[in-house]
């Protein structure tokens, strides 16, 4: 199995991870936001999180990057909103989920930008439809395990995740929040 077949589905998985963490952070900002700015940014971030999830679904279904311009756009807007939320409501936001969502969004944006650049140069965007048919289930499973190992603690470190019944989040990730 080639390395490209192993990781072909990873941009879609990264989008799902970023979208889920964005939704977790946005829910915390909307529900626990101190003011209208928190809730406004939270609402925008929820919209971007849902769009990021949708982009990942379409990408995985097609077996290739779906609308790379949209991938760049949701990544860039998502990163801007994550850091805006951190600036506006620092007491409501933990750094760990913001960094995880930003890094995953950055990965989606970079892969999408590379695909756009290839298309602008007249080269076919990889993977082609033929290569997409060879997407390995092993690559999908490996990517899902790696993603779960990063995204699960990030979701637990969101304000909503830290309040879940039975939640016990390391205080390193949740500075400023009460211990469990």
Protein backbone atom coordinates (compact mmCIF):
# COMPACT_ATOMS: atom_id res chain seq x y z
CA UNK A 1 0.00 0.00 0.00
CA UNK A 2 1.45 3.37 -1.00
CA UNK A 3 1.77 6.18 1.56
CA UNK A 4 -0.61 8.33 -0.51
CA UNK A 5 -3.27 5.61 -0.38
CA UNK A 6 -2.78 5.39 3.37
CA UNK A 7 -3.40 9.10 3.99
CA UNK A 8 -5.81 9.98 1.18
CA UNK A 9 -8.79 10.31 3.53
CA UNK A 10 -6.95 12.35 6.14
CA UNK A 11 -7.95 15.86 4.93
CA UNK A 12 -11.60 14.85 5.37
CA UNK A 13 -10.85 13.45 8.83
CA UNK A 14 -8.95 16.61 9.76
CA UNK A 15 -11.97 18.65 8.67
CA UNK A 16 -14.24 16.53 10.85
CA UNK A 17 -11.94 16.95 13.83
CA UNK A 18 -11.68 20.70 13.34
CA UNK A 19 -15.43 21.01 12.83
CA UNK A 20 -16.26 18.99 15.95
CA UNK A 21 -13.93 21.02 18.15
CA UNK A 22 -15.21 24.25 16.62
CA UNK A 23 -18.76 23.16 17.44
CA UNK A 24 -17.73 22.29 21.00
CA UNK A 25 -16.09 25.67 21.51
CA UNK A 26 -18.99 27.50 19.88
CA UNK A 27 -21.51 25.73 22.13
CA UNK A 28 -19.53 26.86 25.16
CA UNK A 29 -19.41 30.44 23.88
CA UNK A 30 -23.13 30.50 23.12
CA UNK A 31 -24.30 28.84 26.35
CA UNK A 32 -21.67 30.17 28.75
CA UNK A 33 -20.71 33.36 26.97
CA UNK A 34 -20.27 36.33 29.21
CA UNK A 35 -21.65 38.81 26.72
CA UNK A 36 -23.10 39.31 23.25
CA UNK A 37 -19.63 39.28 21.62
CA UNK A 38 -18.95 35.76 22.97
CA UNK A 39 -22.31 34.54 21.77
CA UNK A 40 -21.95 36.25 18.37
CA UNK A 41 -18.54 34.73 17.70
CA UNK A 42 -19.86 31.41 19.02
CA UNK A 43 -22.73 31.51 16.54
CA UNK A 44 -20.40 32.28 13.63
CA UNK A 45 -18.01 29.54 14.77
CA UNK A 46 -20.90 27.05 14.93
CA UNK A 47 -21.75 27.90 11.32
CA UNK A 48 -18.14 27.45 10.22
CA UNK A 49 -17.86 24.22 12.24
CA UNK A 50 -20.92 22.81 10.48
CA UNK A 51 -19.53 23.91 7.09
CA UNK A 52 -16.19 22.28 7.91
CA UNK A 53 -17.93 19.01 8.79
CA UNK A 54 -19.93 19.16 5.56
CA UNK A 55 -16.79 19.83 3.52
CA UNK A 56 -15.16 16.77 5.10
CA UNK A 57 -18.19 14.60 4.32
CA UNK A 58 -18.29 15.66 0.68
CA UNK A 59 -14.53 15.22 0.34
CA UNK A 60 -14.64 11.69 1.72
CA UNK A 61 -17.68 10.80 -0.40
CA UNK A 62 -15.96 12.02 -3.59
CA UNK A 63 -12.63 10.42 -2.75
CA UNK A 64 -10.85 13.69 -3.57
CA UNK A 65 -10.80 17.24 -2.29
CA UNK A 66 -14.22 18.76 -2.71
CA UNK A 67 -14.11 22.39 -3.76
CA UNK A 68 -10.60 23.32 -2.61
CA UNK A 69 -11.58 27.02 -2.53
CA UNK A 70 -14.18 26.19 0.11
CA UNK A 71 -11.58 24.19 2.00
CA UNK A 72 -9.28 27.21 2.12
CA UNK A 73 -12.16 29.53 3.07
CA UNK A 74 -13.60 27.48 5.93
CA UNK A 75 -10.09 26.88 7.24
CA UNK A 76 -9.12 30.53 7.22
CA UNK A 77 -12.41 31.79 8.67
CA UNK A 78 -12.37 29.03 11.28
CA UNK A 79 -8.86 29.94 12.45
CA UNK A 80 -9.75 33.64 12.63
CA UNK A 81 -12.89 32.91 14.66
CA UNK A 82 -11.05 30.56 17.03
CA UNK A 83 -8.54 33.23 17.92
CA UNK A 84 -11.23 35.94 18.05
CA UNK A 85 -13.11 33.80 20.57
CA UNK A 86 -9.94 33.47 22.61
CA UNK A 87 -9.40 37.22 22.57
CA UNK A 88 -13.01 38.14 23.39
CA UNK A 89 -13.72 35.50 26.04
CA UNK A 90 -10.44 34.16 27.41
CA UNK A 91 -12.09 32.93 30.60
CA UNK A 92 -14.47 30.80 28.52
CA UNK A 93 -11.85 29.22 26.24
CA UNK A 94 -9.08 26.73 26.89
CA UNK A 95 -5.98 26.92 24.73
CA UNK A 96 -5.80 23.18 23.96
CA UNK A 97 -9.01 22.85 21.91
CA UNK A 98 -8.25 26.12 20.11
CA UNK A 99 -4.80 24.87 19.09
CA UNK A 100 -6.15 21.46 18.03
CA UNK A 101 -8.90 23.01 15.90
CA UNK A 102 -6.49 25.57 14.43
CA UNK A 103 -3.87 22.96 13.50
CA UNK A 104 -6.46 20.67 11.92
CA UNK A 105 -7.98 23.63 10.06
CA UNK A 106 -4.53 24.68 8.90
CA UNK A 107 -3.93 21.17 7.54
CA UNK A 108 -7.18 21.33 5.56
CA UNK A 109 -6.33 24.80 4.27
CA UNK A 110 -2.81 23.85 3.18
CA UNK A 111 -3.95 20.70 1.37
CA UNK A 112 -6.72 22.68 -0.32
CA UNK A 113 -4.32 25.47 -1.33
CA UNK A 114 -1.92 22.94 -2.86
CA UNK A 115 -4.80 21.43 -4.84
CA UNK A 116 -5.80 24.91 -6.06
CA UNK A 117 -2.24 25.70 -7.10
CA UNK A 118 -2.02 22.45 -9.07
CA UNK A 119 -5.33 23.21 -10.78
CA UNK A 120 -4.11 26.72 -11.67
CA UNK A 121 -1.01 25.23 -13.28
CA UNK A 122 -3.13 22.88 -15.35
CA UNK A 123 -2.05 19.76 -13.50
CA UNK A 124 -4.74 17.42 -12.31
CA UNK A 125 -5.43 17.62 -8.62
CA UNK A 126 -4.32 14.49 -6.87
CA UNK A 127 -5.78 12.05 -6.17
CA UNK A 128 -7.46 11.34 -9.48
CA UNK A 129 -10.72 9.42 -9.61
CA UNK A 130 -8.76 6.24 -10.32
CA UNK A 131 -6.47 6.81 -7.34
CA UNK A 132 -9.45 7.68 -5.15
CA UNK A 133 -10.88 4.25 -5.83
CA UNK A 134 -7.80 2.80 -4.14
CA UNK A 135 -8.34 4.71 -0.91
CA UNK A 136 -7.52 2.18 1.72
CA UNK A 137 -9.77 1.28 4.60
CA UNK A 138 -6.56 0.90 6.61
CA UNK A 139 -5.71 4.56 6.00
CA UNK A 140 -9.18 5.60 7.07
CA UNK A 141 -8.98 3.53 10.26
CA UNK A 142 -5.45 4.72 11.08
CA UNK A 143 -6.47 8.33 10.53
CA UNK A 144 -9.60 7.92 12.65
CA UNK A 145 -7.57 6.50 15.55
CA UNK A 146 -5.01 9.29 15.35
CA UNK A 147 -7.73 11.91 15.13
CA UNK A 148 -9.71 10.45 18.03
CA UNK A 149 -6.60 10.57 20.20
CA UNK A 150 -6.28 14.30 19.60
CA UNK A 151 -9.89 15.44 19.24
CA UNK A 152 -11.41 13.59 22.21
CA UNK A 153 -9.30 15.39 24.84
CA UNK A 154 -9.83 18.68 22.96
CA UNK A 155 -13.60 18.23 23.12
CA UNK A 156 -13.33 17.34 26.81
CA UNK A 157 -11.42 20.60 27.36
CA UNK A 158 -14.19 22.76 25.90
CA UNK A 159 -16.48 24.48 28.43
CA UNK A 160 -19.35 22.15 27.52
CA UNK A 161 -17.17 19.02 27.58
CA UNK A 162 -15.68 19.86 30.96
CA UNK A 163 -19.17 20.02 32.46
CA UNK A 164 -20.29 16.65 31.11
CA UNK A 165 -21.35 14.12 33.76
CA UNK A 166 -18.31 12.16 34.91
CA UNK A 167 -15.89 14.52 33.15
CA UNK A 168 -12.48 14.86 34.68
CA UNK A 169 -10.34 17.19 32.64
CA UNK A 170 -6.73 17.93 33.46
CA UNK A 171 -6.51 21.44 34.88
CA UNK A 172 -3.55 22.18 32.58
CA UNK A 173 -6.04 22.34 29.71
CA UNK A 174 -8.73 24.15 31.64
CA UNK A 175 -7.02 27.05 33.35
CA UNK A 176 -9.56 29.39 34.89
CA UNK A 177 -12.25 26.72 35.17
CA UNK A 178 -13.29 25.06 38.41
CA UNK A 179 -11.90 21.58 39.10
CA UNK A 180 -13.98 18.42 39.08
